[in-house]
Amino acid sequence: MTISESLPPSATAGERTGAATLLGRLDPSASLRALVALDDPPRGLAEDALLGWLIALPAGVDPADAARALADLPELSGPSREARRLADLLDEVARYPAAALAPASRRS
């Protein structure tokens, strides 16, 4: 399942009416939301939250697609250093779609 299949055709980053549904589907462990909700999370928590998020993603969801869909949601932005670090990590994940990481077929 791709993220575009789970969003209404008219949805834009700033106008997602189903943001709560999207967050629930793409952050099922709520690890990303929990980090952003903290006023002063300890250093390194962004990496822990990202790992928990990756592990909890539903089967068949490309992490890069999910990261792109989540990156623009205001619910995942926060003023803390760790929230900004999490945004950077999601941007990094978004740069590596599954198709680009798939092993190349061997030529004989």
N, C-alpha and C. Protein backbone atom coordinates (compact mmCIF):
# COMPACT_ATOMS: atom_id res chain seq x y z
N MET A 1 0.85 -1.17 0.00
CA MET A 1 0.00 0.00 0.00
C MET A 1 0.90 1.23 0.00
N THR A 2 0.65 2.16 -0.88
CA THR A 2 1.40 3.41 -0.88
C THR A 2 0.60 4.46 -0.14
N ILE A 3 1.29 5.51 0.26
CA ILE A 3 0.62 6.58 0.99
C ILE A 3 -0.42 7.25 0.10
N SER A 4 -0.10 7.43 -1.17
CA SER A 4 -1.05 8.09 -2.06
C SER A 4 -2.35 7.31 -2.15
N GLU A 5 -2.30 6.00 -2.00
CA GLU A 5 -3.52 5.20 -2.03
C GLU A 5 -4.36 5.41 -0.77
N SER A 6 -3.72 5.80 0.33
CA SER A 6 -4.45 5.96 1.58
C SER A 6 -4.97 7.37 1.80
N LEU A 7 -4.62 8.31 0.93
CA LEU A 7 -5.08 9.69 1.07
C LEU A 7 -6.18 10.00 0.05
N PRO A 8 -7.09 10.88 0.41
CA PRO A 8 -8.09 11.29 -0.57
C PRO A 8 -7.39 12.03 -1.71
N PRO A 9 -7.91 11.93 -2.93
CA PRO A 9 -7.25 12.55 -4.08
C PRO A 9 -7.05 14.05 -3.95
N SER A 10 -7.93 14.73 -3.23
CA SER A 10 -7.83 16.18 -3.12
C SER A 10 -6.96 16.64 -1.96
N ALA A 11 -6.42 15.73 -1.18
CA ALA A 11 -5.65 16.12 0.01
C ALA A 11 -4.32 16.76 -0.38
N THR A 12 -3.99 17.84 0.31
CA THR A 12 -2.68 18.46 0.18
C THR A 12 -2.06 18.47 1.56
N ALA A 13 -0.78 18.79 1.62
CA ALA A 13 -0.09 18.78 2.91
C ALA A 13 -0.76 19.70 3.91
N GLY A 14 -1.20 20.85 3.47
CA GLY A 14 -1.80 21.81 4.39
C GLY A 14 -3.28 21.62 4.65
N GLU A 15 -3.93 20.76 3.87
CA GLU A 15 -5.39 20.64 3.96
C GLU A 15 -5.86 19.24 4.26
N ARG A 16 -5.06 18.43 4.88
CA ARG A 16 -5.48 17.05 5.16
C ARG A 16 -6.56 17.03 6.23
N THR A 17 -7.74 16.64 5.82
CA THR A 17 -8.83 16.57 6.79
C THR A 17 -8.73 15.30 7.62
N GLY A 18 -8.11 14.29 7.11
CA GLY A 18 -7.97 13.03 7.83
C GLY A 18 -6.61 12.89 8.48
N ALA A 19 -6.04 14.00 8.98
CA ALA A 19 -4.69 13.94 9.56
C ALA A 19 -4.64 12.97 10.74
N ALA A 20 -5.67 12.94 11.57
CA ALA A 20 -5.66 12.02 12.71
C ALA A 20 -5.67 10.57 12.23
N THR A 21 -6.45 10.30 11.21
CA THR A 21 -6.48 8.94 10.65
C THR A 21 -5.13 8.60 10.03
N LEU A 22 -4.57 9.54 9.31
CA LEU A 22 -3.26 9.32 8.70
C LEU A 22 -2.21 9.07 9.77
N LEU A 23 -2.21 9.88 10.80
CA LEU A 23 -1.25 9.68 11.89
C LEU A 23 -1.44 8.33 12.55
N GLY A 24 -2.67 7.95 12.78
CA GLY A 24 -2.94 6.65 13.40
C GLY A 24 -2.47 5.49 12.55
N ARG A 25 -2.60 5.63 11.24
CA ARG A 25 -2.19 4.58 10.32
C ARG A 25 -0.67 4.54 10.15
N LEU A 26 -0.04 5.72 10.08
CA LEU A 26 1.39 5.77 9.77
C LEU A 26 2.28 5.95 11.00
N ASP A 27 1.70 6.15 12.15
CA ASP A 27 2.45 6.18 13.41
C ASP A 27 1.69 5.34 14.42
N PRO A 28 1.53 4.03 14.12
CA PRO A 28 0.68 3.19 14.96
C PRO A 28 1.17 3.05 16.40
N SER A 29 2.45 3.18 16.63
CA SER A 29 2.98 3.08 17.99
C SER A 29 2.93 4.43 18.70
N ALA A 30 2.60 5.49 17.98
CA ALA A 30 2.56 6.87 18.49
C ALA A 30 3.92 7.34 18.98
N SER A 31 4.99 6.69 18.56
CA SER A 31 6.32 7.08 19.04
C SER A 31 6.72 8.47 18.54
N LEU A 32 6.33 8.81 17.32
CA LEU A 32 6.67 10.13 16.79
C LEU A 32 5.88 11.22 17.52
N ARG A 33 4.59 10.98 17.68
CA ARG A 33 3.74 11.96 18.38
C ARG A 33 4.16 12.14 19.83
N ALA A 34 4.58 11.06 20.47
CA ALA A 34 5.00 11.14 21.87
C ALA A 34 6.24 12.02 22.00
N LEU A 35 7.17 11.89 21.09
CA LEU A 35 8.38 12.71 21.15
C LEU A 35 8.04 14.18 20.99
N VAL A 36 7.20 14.51 20.01
CA VAL A 36 6.86 15.90 19.74
C VAL A 36 6.09 16.51 20.91
N ALA A 37 5.34 15.71 21.63
CA ALA A 37 4.55 16.21 22.75
C ALA A 37 5.40 16.60 23.96
N LEU A 38 6.62 16.12 24.03
CA LEU A 38 7.49 16.43 25.17
C LEU A 38 8.07 17.83 25.04
N ASP A 39 8.09 18.56 26.15
CA ASP A 39 8.66 19.91 26.14
C ASP A 39 10.17 19.90 25.96
N ASP A 40 10.84 19.01 26.66
CA ASP A 40 12.30 18.96 26.60
C ASP A 40 12.77 17.51 26.61
N PRO A 41 12.59 16.81 25.48
CA PRO A 41 12.98 15.41 25.43
C PRO A 41 14.49 15.25 25.56
N PRO A 42 14.93 14.15 26.16
CA PRO A 42 16.38 13.93 26.31
C PRO A 42 17.05 13.74 24.95
N ARG A 43 18.30 14.11 24.89
CA ARG A 43 19.09 13.98 23.66
C ARG A 43 19.12 12.51 23.24
N GLY A 44 18.93 12.26 21.94
CA GLY A 44 18.94 10.91 21.41
C GLY A 44 17.57 10.26 21.29
N LEU A 45 16.55 10.91 21.84
CA LEU A 45 15.22 10.33 21.80
C LEU A 45 14.65 10.32 20.38
N ALA A 46 15.09 11.24 19.53
CA ALA A 46 14.60 11.26 18.15
C ALA A 46 14.96 9.97 17.43
N GLU A 47 16.18 9.50 17.62
CA GLU A 47 16.61 8.26 16.99
C GLU A 47 15.82 7.07 17.53
N ASP A 48 15.57 7.06 18.84
CA ASP A 48 14.78 5.99 19.44
C ASP A 48 13.35 5.99 18.90
N ALA A 49 12.77 7.19 18.79
CA ALA A 49 11.40 7.30 18.28
C ALA A 49 11.33 6.84 16.82
N LEU A 50 12.33 7.22 16.04
CA LEU A 50 12.35 6.81 14.63
C LEU A 50 12.45 5.29 14.51
N LEU A 51 13.30 4.67 15.30
CA LEU A 51 13.44 3.22 15.25
C LEU A 51 12.13 2.54 15.65
N GLY A 52 11.50 3.02 16.71
CA GLY A 52 10.21 2.47 17.12
C GLY A 52 9.16 2.63 16.04
N TRP A 53 9.18 3.77 15.36
CA TRP A 53 8.25 4.02 14.27
C TRP A 53 8.48 3.06 13.13
N LEU A 54 9.74 2.88 12.73
CA LEU A 54 10.05 1.97 11.62
C LEU A 54 9.61 0.54 11.92
N ILE A 55 9.83 0.11 13.13
CA ILE A 55 9.46 -1.26 13.53
C ILE A 55 7.94 -1.43 13.51
N ALA A 56 7.20 -0.40 13.88
CA ALA A 56 5.74 -0.51 14.00
C ALA A 56 4.98 -0.21 12.71
N LEU A 57 5.67 0.24 11.66
CA LEU A 57 4.96 0.53 10.41
C LEU A 57 4.25 -0.72 9.91
N PRO A 58 3.04 -0.57 9.40
CA PRO A 58 2.32 -1.73 8.86
C PRO A 58 3.08 -2.36 7.69
N ALA A 59 2.94 -3.66 7.57
CA ALA A 59 3.57 -4.38 6.46
C ALA A 59 3.09 -3.79 5.14
N GLY A 60 4.00 -3.67 4.20
CA GLY A 60 3.65 -3.18 2.88
C GLY A 60 3.72 -1.68 2.72
N VAL A 61 3.94 -0.94 3.80
CA VAL A 61 4.06 0.51 3.70
C VAL A 61 5.53 0.85 3.54
N ASP A 62 5.85 1.56 2.49
CA ASP A 62 7.22 2.00 2.23
C ASP A 62 7.56 3.11 3.23
N PRO A 63 8.59 2.92 4.05
CA PRO A 63 8.95 3.97 5.02
C PRO A 63 9.21 5.33 4.38
N ALA A 64 9.78 5.35 3.19
CA ALA A 64 10.04 6.63 2.52
C ALA A 64 8.73 7.34 2.19
N ASP A 65 7.75 6.61 1.69
CA ASP A 65 6.45 7.20 1.40
C ASP A 65 5.79 7.71 2.67
N ALA A 66 5.87 6.91 3.73
CA ALA A 66 5.27 7.30 5.00
C ALA A 66 5.96 8.54 5.55
N ALA A 67 7.28 8.59 5.49
CA ALA A 67 8.02 9.75 6.00
C ALA A 67 7.64 11.01 5.23
N ARG A 68 7.50 10.91 3.91
CA ARG A 68 7.09 12.07 3.10
C ARG A 68 5.69 12.54 3.50
N ALA A 69 4.79 11.61 3.71
CA ALA A 69 3.41 11.97 4.08
C ALA A 69 3.35 12.62 5.45
N LEU A 70 4.19 12.17 6.37
CA LEU A 70 4.17 12.70 7.73
C LEU A 70 4.95 14.00 7.88
N ALA A 71 5.89 14.24 7.01
CA ALA A 71 6.80 15.38 7.17
C ALA A 71 6.09 16.73 7.22
N ASP A 72 5.01 16.89 6.50
CA ASP A 72 4.34 18.18 6.43
C ASP A 72 3.20 18.35 7.44
N LEU A 73 2.96 17.34 8.24
CA LEU A 73 1.86 17.45 9.20
C LEU A 73 2.26 18.31 10.39
N PRO A 74 1.47 19.32 10.71
CA PRO A 74 1.81 20.18 11.85
C PRO A 74 1.83 19.43 13.18
N GLU A 75 1.11 18.32 13.25
CA GLU A 75 1.09 17.53 14.49
C GLU A 75 2.45 16.95 14.81
N LEU A 76 3.33 16.87 13.82
CA LEU A 76 4.67 16.31 14.05
C LEU A 76 5.76 17.37 14.03
N SER A 77 5.39 18.61 14.23
CA SER A 77 6.42 19.65 14.34
C SER A 77 6.40 20.17 15.77
N GLY A 78 7.56 20.48 16.25
CA GLY A 78 7.67 20.98 17.62
C GLY A 78 8.91 21.82 17.77
N PRO A 79 8.96 22.59 18.85
CA PRO A 79 10.06 23.53 19.03
C PRO A 79 11.35 22.91 19.60
N SER A 80 11.26 21.70 20.13
CA SER A 80 12.43 21.13 20.79
C SER A 80 13.51 20.71 19.80
N ARG A 81 14.72 20.63 20.29
CA ARG A 81 15.85 20.18 19.47
C ARG A 81 15.57 18.78 18.93
N GLU A 82 15.03 17.90 19.75
CA GLU A 82 14.76 16.53 19.32
C GLU A 82 13.64 16.47 18.29
N ALA A 83 12.65 17.35 18.38
CA ALA A 83 11.59 17.38 17.35
C ALA A 83 12.18 17.82 16.01
N ARG A 84 13.09 18.78 16.05
CA ARG A 84 13.75 19.19 14.80
C ARG A 84 14.65 18.08 14.27
N ARG A 85 15.31 17.36 15.17
CA ARG A 85 16.14 16.23 14.75
C ARG A 85 15.26 15.15 14.12
N LEU A 86 14.10 14.89 14.71
CA LEU A 86 13.18 13.91 14.15
C LEU A 86 12.76 14.32 12.73
N ALA A 87 12.48 15.59 12.53
CA ALA A 87 12.12 16.07 11.19
C ALA A 87 13.26 15.81 10.20
N ASP A 88 14.49 16.04 10.64
CA ASP A 88 15.65 15.77 9.78
C ASP A 88 15.76 14.28 9.46
N LEU A 89 15.52 13.43 10.46
CA LEU A 89 15.59 11.99 10.24
C LEU A 89 14.50 11.52 9.28
N LEU A 90 13.29 12.05 9.42
CA LEU A 90 12.22 11.69 8.49
C LEU A 90 12.56 12.12 7.07
N ASP A 91 13.17 13.30 6.94
CA ASP A 91 13.61 13.74 5.61
C ASP A 91 14.63 12.77 5.03
N GLU A 92 15.52 12.28 5.86
CA GLU A 92 16.52 11.33 5.39
C GLU A 92 15.88 10.02 4.96
N VAL A 93 14.95 9.51 5.75
CA VAL A 93 14.24 8.28 5.38
C VAL A 93 13.50 8.47 4.06
N ALA A 94 12.91 9.63 3.88
CA ALA A 94 12.13 9.91 2.66
C ALA A 94 12.99 9.86 1.40
N ARG A 95 14.28 10.05 1.54
CA ARG A 95 15.17 10.04 0.37
C ARG A 95 15.48 8.65 -0.15
N TYR A 96 15.06 7.61 0.55
CA TYR A 96 15.42 6.24 0.17
C TYR A 96 14.19 5.35 0.01
N PRO A 97 13.45 5.52 -1.10
CA PRO A 97 12.28 4.67 -1.33
C PRO A 97 12.70 3.22 -1.53
N ALA A 98 11.79 2.32 -1.25
CA ALA A 98 12.08 0.88 -1.33
C ALA A 98 12.58 0.49 -2.72
N ALA A 99 12.02 1.08 -3.76
CA ALA A 99 12.43 0.73 -5.12
C ALA A 99 13.91 1.05 -5.36
N ALA A 100 14.40 2.12 -4.76
CA ALA A 100 15.80 2.49 -4.93
C ALA A 100 16.72 1.57 -4.13
N LEU A 101 16.21 0.97 -3.08
CA LEU A 101 17.02 0.11 -2.23
C LEU A 101 16.96 -1.35 -2.63
N ALA A 102 16.06 -1.68 -3.54
CA ALA A 102 15.91 -3.08 -3.99
C ALA A 102 17.19 -3.51 -4.70
N PRO A 103 17.61 -4.73 -4.45
CA PRO A 103 18.83 -5.20 -5.12
C PRO A 103 18.64 -5.26 -6.63
N ALA A 104 19.67 -4.88 -7.32
CA ALA A 104 19.63 -4.92 -8.78
C ALA A 104 19.71 -6.38 -9.23
N SER A 105 19.03 -6.67 -10.32
CA SER A 105 19.09 -8.05 -10.82
C SER A 105 20.47 -8.28 -11.44
N ARG A 106 20.95 -9.47 -11.30
CA ARG A 106 22.27 -9.82 -11.84
C ARG A 106 22.15 -10.21 -13.29
N ARG A 107 23.08 -9.70 -14.03
CA ARG A 107 23.14 -10.08 -15.44
C ARG A 107 24.10 -11.22 -15.59
N SER A 108 23.76 -12.17 -16.45
CA SER A 108 24.66 -13.32 -16.64
C SER A 108 25.51 -13.17 -17.87
